């Protein structure tokens, strides 16, 4: 590996460690954010199903 690859690897590991620490430090907020994202994903899938249903009914 060259210098750039090693630096990118070290920076990536450092960011992973900092991200894990931040998640543990703000665990209740992380849980709320994940719940909100799950709700948004369900909403988007529901909207896609409605649009898909409308398109099939038109045929």
PDB file of N, CA and C in Angstrom:
ATOM      1  N   UNK A   1       0.846  -1.189   0.000  1.00  0.00           N
ATOM      2  CA  UNK A   1       0.000   0.000   0.000  1.00  0.00           C
ATOM      3  C   UNK A   1       0.884   1.242   0.000  1.00  0.00           C
ATOM      4  N   UNK A   2       0.384   2.265  -0.605  1.00  0.00           N
ATOM      5  CA  UNK A   2       1.123   3.514  -0.604  1.00  0.00           C
ATOM      6  C   UNK A   2       0.692   4.382   0.570  1.00  0.00           C
ATOM      7  N   UNK A   3       1.316   5.546   0.683  1.00  0.00           N
ATOM      8  CA  UNK A   3       1.027   6.431   1.811  1.00  0.00           C
ATOM      9  C   UNK A   3      -0.435   6.858   1.852  1.00  0.00           C
ATOM     10  N   UNK A   4      -1.015   7.153   0.701  1.00  0.00           N
ATOM     11  CA  UNK A   4      -2.395   7.630   0.651  1.00  0.00           C
ATOM     12  C   UNK A   4      -3.355   6.573   1.172  1.00  0.00           C
ATOM     13  N   UNK A   5      -3.132   5.314   0.809  1.00  0.00           N
ATOM     14  CA  UNK A   5      -3.992   4.233   1.293  1.00  0.00           C
ATOM     15  C   UNK A   5      -3.899   4.052   2.796  1.00  0.00           C
ATOM     16  N   UNK A   6      -2.690   4.138   3.319  1.00  0.00           N
ATOM     17  CA  UNK A   6      -2.506   3.984   4.767  1.00  0.00           C
ATOM     18  C   UNK A   6      -3.159   5.141   5.506  1.00  0.00           C
ATOM     19  N   UNK A   7      -2.992   6.357   4.996  1.00  0.00           N
ATOM     20  CA  UNK A   7      -3.605   7.531   5.637  1.00  0.00           C
ATOM     21  C   UNK A   7      -5.124   7.422   5.594  1.00  0.00           C
ATOM     22  N   UNK A   8      -5.678   7.011   4.466  1.00  0.00           N
ATOM     23  CA  UNK A   8      -7.129   6.861   4.354  1.00  0.00           C
ATOM     24  C   UNK A   8      -7.630   5.793   5.318  1.00  0.00           C
ATOM     25  N   UNK A   9      -6.874   4.707   5.459  1.00  0.00           N
ATOM     26  CA  UNK A   9      -7.249   3.634   6.377  1.00  0.00           C
ATOM     27  C   UNK A   9      -7.252   4.122   7.819  1.00  0.00           C
ATOM     28  N   UNK A  10      -6.207   4.848   8.214  1.00  0.00           N
ATOM     29  CA  UNK A  10      -6.111   5.356   9.584  1.00  0.00           C
ATOM     30  C   UNK A  10      -7.213   6.372   9.859  1.00  0.00           C
ATOM     31  N   UNK A  11      -7.455   7.272   8.922  1.00  0.00           N
ATOM     32  CA  UNK A  11      -8.512   8.272   9.091  1.00  0.00           C
ATOM     33  C   UNK A  11      -9.876   7.582   9.182  1.00  0.00           C
ATOM     34  N   UNK A  12     -10.104   6.551   8.364  1.00  0.00           N
ATOM     35  CA  UNK A  12     -11.356   5.805   8.419  1.00  0.00           C
ATOM     36  C   UNK A  12     -11.562   5.134   9.762  1.00  0.00           C
ATOM     37  N   UNK A  13     -10.512   4.502  10.284  1.00  0.00           N
ATOM     38  CA  UNK A  13     -10.620   3.878  11.606  1.00  0.00           C
ATOM     39  C   UNK A  13     -10.893   4.910  12.687  1.00  0.00           C
ATOM     40  N   UNK A  14     -10.230   6.045  12.612  1.00  0.00           N
ATOM     41  CA  UNK A  14     -10.439   7.107  13.593  1.00  0.00           C
ATOM     42  C   UNK A  14     -11.876   7.618  13.546  1.00  0.00           C
ATOM     43  N   UNK A  15     -12.408   7.807  12.344  1.00  0.00           N
ATOM     44  CA  UNK A  15     -13.792   8.272  12.218  1.00  0.00           C
ATOM     45  C   UNK A  15     -14.776   7.223  12.737  1.00  0.00           C
ATOM     46  N   UNK A  16     -14.492   5.942  12.515  1.00  0.00           N
ATOM     47  CA  UNK A  16     -15.364   4.883  13.045  1.00  0.00           C
ATOM     48  C   UNK A  16     -15.376   4.901  14.569  1.00  0.00           C
ATOM     49  N   UNK A  17     -14.208   5.076  15.171  1.00  0.00           N
ATOM     50  CA  UNK A  17     -14.129   5.125  16.639  1.00  0.00           C
ATOM     51  C   UNK A  17     -14.861   6.347  17.171  1.00  0.00           C
ATOM     52  N   UNK A  18     -14.654   7.498  16.551  1.00  0.00           N
ATOM     53  CA  UNK A  18     -15.340   8.714  17.002  1.00  0.00           C
ATOM     54  C   UNK A  18     -16.850   8.602  16.819  1.00  0.00           C
ATOM     55  N   UNK A  19     -17.280   7.985  15.723  1.00  0.00           N
ATOM     56  CA  UNK A  19     -18.713   7.799  15.497  1.00  0.00           C
ATOM     57  C   UNK A  19     -19.335   6.872  16.520  1.00  0.00           C
ATOM     58  N   UNK A  20     -18.639   5.793  16.859  1.00  0.00           N
ATOM     59  CA  UNK A  20     -19.148   4.868  17.879  1.00  0.00           C
ATOM     60  C   UNK A  20     -19.227   5.562  19.233  1.00  0.00           C
ATOM     61  N   UNK A  21     -18.218   6.361  19.568  1.00  0.00           N
ATOM     62  CA  UNK A  21     -18.236   7.090  20.834  1.00  0.00           C
ATOM     63  C   UNK A  21     -19.399   8.088  20.864  1.00  0.00           C
ATOM     64  N   UNK A  22     -19.625   8.784  19.759  1.00  0.00           N
ATOM     65  CA  UNK A  22     -20.719   9.759  19.704  1.00  0.00           C
ATOM     66  C   UNK A  22     -22.067   9.055  19.838  1.00  0.00           C
ATOM     67  N   UNK A  23     -22.199   7.873  19.222  1.00  0.00           N
ATOM     68  CA  UNK A  23     -23.455   7.135  19.341  1.00  0.00           C
ATOM     69  C   UNK A  23     -23.703   6.704  20.778  1.00  0.00           C
ATOM     70  N   UNK A  24     -22.657   6.277  21.475  1.00  0.00           N
ATOM     71  CA  UNK A  24     -22.821   5.874  22.871  1.00  0.00           C
ATOM     72  C   UNK A  24     -23.086   7.077  23.771  1.00  0.00           C
ATOM     73  N   UNK A  25     -22.470   8.203  23.460  1.00  0.00           N
ATOM     74  CA  UNK A  25     -22.648   9.398  24.284  1.00  0.00           C
ATOM     75  C   UNK A  25     -24.056   9.960  24.148  1.00  0.00           C
ATOM     76  N   UNK A  26     -24.653   9.835  22.962  1.00  0.00           N
ATOM     77  CA  UNK A  26     -25.978  10.387  22.708  1.00  0.00           C
ATOM     78  C   UNK A  26     -26.967   9.273  22.364  1.00  0.00           C
ATOM     79  N   UNK A  27     -26.949   8.186  23.133  1.00  0.00           N
ATOM     80  CA  UNK A  27     -27.743   7.009  22.803  1.00  0.00           C
ATOM     81  C   UNK A  27     -29.245   7.275  22.711  1.00  0.00           C
ATOM     82  N   UNK A  28     -29.870   8.011  23.637  1.00  0.00           N
ATOM     83  CA  UNK A  28     -31.321   8.251  23.491  1.00  0.00           C
ATOM     84  C   UNK A  28     -31.682   8.994  22.200  1.00  0.00           C
ATOM     85  N   UNK A  29     -30.853   9.964  21.822  1.00  0.00           N
ATOM     86  CA  UNK A  29     -31.111  10.700  20.586  1.00  0.00           C
ATOM     87  C   UNK A  29     -30.927   9.807  19.366  1.00  0.00           C
ATOM     88  N   UNK A  30     -29.943   8.909  19.431  1.00  0.00           N
ATOM     89  CA  UNK A  30     -29.707   7.983  18.319  1.00  0.00           C
ATOM     90  C   UNK A  30     -30.899   7.053  18.158  1.00  0.00           C
ATOM     91  N   UNK A  31     -31.440   6.562  19.264  1.00  0.00           N
ATOM     92  CA  UNK A  31     -32.605   5.668  19.214  1.00  0.00           C
ATOM     93  C   UNK A  31     -33.797   6.409  18.617  1.00  0.00           C
ATOM     94  N   UNK A  32     -34.015   7.655  19.026  1.00  0.00           N
ATOM     95  CA  UNK A  32     -35.125   8.440  18.469  1.00  0.00           C
ATOM     96  C   UNK A  32     -34.932   8.690  16.978  1.00  0.00           C
ATOM     97  N   UNK A  33     -33.700   8.962  16.571  1.00  0.00           N
ATOM     98  CA  UNK A  33     -33.430   9.196  15.154  1.00  0.00           C
ATOM     99  C   UNK A  33     -33.702   7.944  14.336  1.00  0.00           C
ATOM    100  N   UNK A  34     -33.298   6.788  14.849  1.00  0.00           N
ATOM    101  CA  UNK A  34     -33.531   5.530  14.123  1.00  0.00           C
ATOM    102  C   UNK A  34     -35.027   5.252  14.020  1.00  0.00           C
ATOM    103  N   UNK A  35     -35.761   5.506  15.093  1.00  0.00           N
ATOM    104  CA  UNK A  35     -37.218   5.317  15.046  1.00  0.00           C
ATOM    105  C   UNK A  35     -37.847   6.244  14.004  1.00  0.00           C
ATOM    106  N   UNK A  36     -37.382   7.474  13.955  1.00  0.00           N
ATOM    107  CA  UNK A  36     -37.899   8.417  12.967  1.00  0.00           C
ATOM    108  C   UNK A  36     -37.576   7.983  11.543  1.00  0.00           C
ATOM    109  N   UNK A  37     -36.362   7.494  11.324  1.00  0.00           N
ATOM    110  CA  UNK A  37     -35.987   7.028   9.990  1.00  0.00           C
ATOM    111  C   UNK A  37     -36.801   5.814   9.572  1.00  0.00           C
ATOM    112  N   UNK A  38     -37.091   4.919  10.511  1.00  0.00           N
ATOM    113  CA  UNK A  38     -37.932   3.761  10.195  1.00  0.00           C
ATOM    114  C   UNK A  38     -39.319   4.227   9.778  1.00  0.00           C
ATOM    115  N   UNK A  39     -39.851   5.218  10.485  1.00  0.00           N
ATOM    116  CA  UNK A  39     -41.162   5.762  10.127  1.00  0.00           C
ATOM    117  C   UNK A  39     -41.156   6.393   8.747  1.00  0.00           C
ATOM    118  N   UNK A  40     -40.095   7.112   8.415  1.00  0.00           N
ATOM    119  CA  UNK A  40     -40.003   7.742   7.093  1.00  0.00           C
ATOM    120  C   UNK A  40     -39.933   6.682   6.003  1.00  0.00           C
ATOM    121  N   UNK A  41     -39.160   5.618   6.230  1.00  0.00           N
ATOM    122  CA  UNK A  41     -39.045   4.547   5.235  1.00  0.00           C
ATOM    123  C   UNK A  41     -40.397   3.868   5.018  1.00  0.00           C
ATOM    124  N   UNK A  42     -41.125   3.617   6.101  1.00  0.00           N
ATOM    125  CA  UNK A  42     -42.450   3.001   5.976  1.00  0.00           C
ATOM    126  C   UNK A  42     -43.393   3.925   5.202  1.00  0.00           C
ATOM    127  N   UNK A  43     -43.332   5.220   5.481  1.00  0.00           N
ATOM    128  CA  UNK A  43     -44.166   6.187   4.758  1.00  0.00           C
ATOM    129  C   UNK A  43     -43.854   6.184   3.266  1.00  0.00           C
ATOM    130  N   UNK A  44     -42.577   6.168   2.923  1.00  0.00           N
ATOM    131  CA  UNK A  44     -42.191   6.165   1.504  1.00  0.00           C
ATOM    132  C   UNK A  44     -42.652   4.891   0.818  1.00  0.00           C
ATOM    133  N   UNK A  45     -42.491   3.727   1.471  1.00  0.00           N
ATOM    134  CA  UNK A  45     -42.963   2.476   0.877  1.00  0.00           C
ATOM    135  C   UNK A  45     -44.484   2.494   0.704  1.00  0.00           C
ATOM    136  N   UNK A  46     -45.193   3.073   1.664  1.00  0.00           N
ATOM    137  CA  UNK A  46     -46.641   3.188   1.537  1.00  0.00           C
ATOM    138  C   UNK A  46     -47.044   4.049   0.361  1.00  0.00           C
ATOM    139  N   UNK A  47     -46.367   5.183   0.195  1.00  0.00           N
ATOM    140  CA  UNK A  47     -46.662   6.053  -0.944  1.00  0.00           C
ATOM    141  C   UNK A  47     -46.353   5.359  -2.271  1.00  0.00           C
ATOM    142  N   UNK A  48     -45.262   4.607  -2.311  1.00  0.00           N
ATOM    143  CA  UNK A  48     -44.929   3.878  -3.534  1.00  0.00           C
ATOM    144  C   UNK A  48     -45.980   2.815  -3.834  1.00  0.00           C
ATOM    145  N   UNK A  49     -46.486   2.141  -2.805  1.00  0.00           N
ATOM    146  CA  UNK A  49     -47.526   1.131  -3.013  1.00  0.00           C
ATOM    147  C   UNK A  49     -48.812   1.762  -3.533  1.00  0.00           C
ATOM    148  N   UNK A  50     -49.158   2.949  -3.014  1.00  0.00           N
ATOM    149  CA  UNK A  50     -50.353   3.645  -3.484  1.00  0.00           C
ATOM    150  C   UNK A  50     -50.204   4.025  -4.948  1.00  0.00           C
ATOM    151  N   UNK A  51     -49.051   4.590  -5.313  1.00  0.00           N
ATOM    152  CA  UNK A  51     -48.821   4.977  -6.706  1.00  0.00           C
ATOM    153  C   UNK A  51     -48.826   3.750  -7.601  1.00  0.00           C
ATOM    154  N   UNK A  52     -48.193   2.671  -7.172  1.00  0.00           N
ATOM    155  CA  UNK A  52     -48.171   1.432  -7.945  1.00  0.00           C
ATOM    156  C   UNK A  52     -49.583   0.893  -8.127  1.00  0.00           C
ATOM    157  N   UNK A  53     -50.385   0.933  -7.069  1.00  0.00           N
ATOM    158  CA  UNK A  53     -51.771   0.484  -7.156  1.00  0.00           C
ATOM    159  C   UNK A  53     -52.580   1.316  -8.128  1.00  0.00           C
ATOM    160  N   UNK A  54     -52.392   2.633  -8.095  1.00  0.00           N
ATOM    161  CA  UNK A  54     -53.110   3.518  -9.020  1.00  0.00           C
ATOM    162  C   UNK A  54     -52.717   3.207 -10.464  1.00  0.00           C
ATOM    163  N   UNK A  55     -51.431   2.971 -10.707  1.00  0.00           N
ATOM    164  CA  UNK A  55     -50.990   2.656 -12.057  1.00  0.00           C
ATOM    165  C   UNK A  55     -51.550   1.334 -12.540  1.00  0.00           C
ATOM    166  N   UNK A  56     -51.676   0.345 -11.660  1.00  0.00           N
ATOM    167  CA  UNK A  56     -52.220  -0.945 -12.064  1.00  0.00           C
ATOM    168  C   UNK A  56     -53.725  -0.835 -12.307  1.00  0.00           C
ATOM    169  N   UNK A  57     -54.434  -0.047 -11.504  1.00  0.00           N
ATOM    170  CA  UNK A  57     -55.880   0.116 -11.693  1.00  0.00           C
ATOM    171  C   UNK A  57     -56.159   0.777 -13.035  1.00  0.00           C
ATOM    172  N   UNK A  58     -55.302   1.682 -13.474  1.00  0.00           N
ATOM    173  CA  UNK A  58     -55.518   2.398 -14.747  1.00  0.00           C
ATOM    174  C   UNK A  58     -55.419   1.466 -15.934  1.00  0.00           C
ATOM    175  N   UNK A  59     -54.668   0.370 -15.834  1.00  0.00           N
ATOM    176  CA  UNK A  59     -54.548  -0.565 -16.961  1.00  0.00           C
ATOM    177  C   UNK A  59     -55.785  -1.345 -17.053  1.00  0.00           C
TER     178      UNK A  59
END
